[in-house]
Amino acid sequence: TVTASEAAGDTLTTSSTTGFYLGMPIQFYGVVFGNIVAGTTYYVRTIVANTSFTVSSTLGGGDFALADATGTMVLIIAPLL
């Protein structure tokens, strides 16, 4: 389960951010929430804590604005083109 929080600085929360790195390309699948579009590539912008992170819609861009929501999405490492 991934949770989106606009109020907490546009953060996404998951069980662990172990293995994440800044600029890591990721995609989400499943129930779309928090303005996230399934199958679109996002990039890890900041790792806030061991369970929280922010994403950008472009590599090196600003925080992606999220709407508060909770849902189940699968986070995968996006393929590099």
Protein backbone atom coordinates (compact mmCIF):
# COMPACT_ATOMS: atom_id res chain seq x y z
CA THR A 1 0.00 0.00 0.00
CA VAL A 2 1.26 3.45 -0.90
CA THR A 3 -0.24 6.58 0.65
CA ALA A 4 -0.09 10.07 -0.90
CA SER A 5 -0.13 13.18 1.28
CA GLU A 6 -0.35 16.69 -0.11
CA ALA A 7 -0.37 18.11 3.43
CA ALA A 8 2.96 16.42 4.28
CA GLY A 9 4.94 18.08 1.49
CA ASP A 10 3.62 15.97 -1.39
CA THR A 11 5.10 12.79 0.08
CA LEU A 12 4.44 9.19 -0.80
CA THR A 13 4.69 6.63 1.98
CA THR A 14 5.53 2.97 1.51
CA SER A 15 6.79 0.16 3.74
CA SER A 16 10.47 0.95 3.06
CA THR A 17 12.61 3.21 0.90
CA THR A 18 15.59 0.85 1.17
CA GLY A 19 17.24 0.66 -2.24
CA PHE A 20 15.79 3.96 -3.43
CA TYR A 21 18.17 6.57 -4.79
CA LEU A 22 17.74 10.16 -5.99
CA GLY A 23 16.71 10.26 -9.65
CA MET A 24 15.59 6.62 -9.61
CA PRO A 25 12.96 6.13 -12.34
CA ILE A 26 9.80 4.49 -11.00
CA GLN A 27 6.32 3.66 -12.23
CA PHE A 28 3.09 2.82 -10.41
CA TYR A 29 0.43 0.31 -11.39
CA GLY A 30 -2.94 -0.51 -9.88
CA VAL A 31 -5.48 1.91 -8.49
CA VAL A 32 -4.51 5.45 -9.53
CA PHE A 33 -4.56 8.06 -6.74
CA GLY A 34 -3.02 11.33 -5.65
CA ASN A 35 -2.75 12.55 -9.28
CA ILE A 36 -0.38 9.67 -10.08
CA VAL A 37 -0.93 8.24 -13.57
CA ALA A 38 -0.42 4.48 -13.85
CA GLY A 39 2.41 3.50 -16.19
CA THR A 40 3.92 7.01 -16.27
CA THR A 41 7.58 7.32 -15.30
CA TYR A 42 8.33 9.47 -12.25
CA TYR A 43 11.67 10.08 -10.56
CA VAL A 44 12.57 9.91 -6.87
CA ARG A 45 13.25 13.54 -5.94
CA THR A 46 13.86 13.29 -2.20
CA ILE A 47 13.98 10.50 0.35
CA VAL A 48 12.28 12.08 3.34
CA ALA A 49 12.61 9.13 5.74
CA ASN A 50 12.99 5.37 5.65
CA THR A 51 9.36 5.09 4.53
CA SER A 52 8.64 8.43 2.79
CA PHE A 53 9.75 9.98 -0.48
CA THR A 54 8.75 12.59 -3.06
CA VAL A 55 8.68 12.24 -6.82
CA SER A 56 9.15 14.53 -9.79
CA SER A 57 7.58 14.14 -13.20
CA THR A 58 10.89 15.10 -14.82
CA LEU A 59 14.43 14.14 -13.90
CA GLY A 60 15.76 16.94 -11.69
CA GLY A 61 12.37 18.68 -11.60
CA GLY A 62 10.36 19.94 -8.65
CA ASP A 63 8.07 17.96 -6.38
CA PHE A 64 5.08 16.44 -8.16
CA ALA A 65 1.93 17.92 -6.60
CA LEU A 66 -0.19 15.21 -5.01
CA ALA A 67 -3.76 15.04 -3.80
CA ASP A 68 -4.40 13.26 -0.49
CA ALA A 69 -5.38 9.67 -1.11
CA THR A 70 -4.76 6.12 -0.05
CA GLY A 71 -4.68 3.12 -2.30
CA THR A 72 -2.83 0.06 -3.40
CA MET A 73 -0.29 0.60 -6.13
CA VAL A 74 2.69 -1.44 -7.20
CA LEU A 75 5.90 0.57 -7.45
CA ILE A 76 8.47 -0.76 -9.93
CA ILE A 77 11.78 0.44 -11.26
CA ALA A 78 11.00 1.96 -14.64
CA PRO A 79 12.86 0.71 -17.69
CA LEU A 80 15.60 2.99 -18.92
CA LEU A 81 15.10 4.01 -22.54
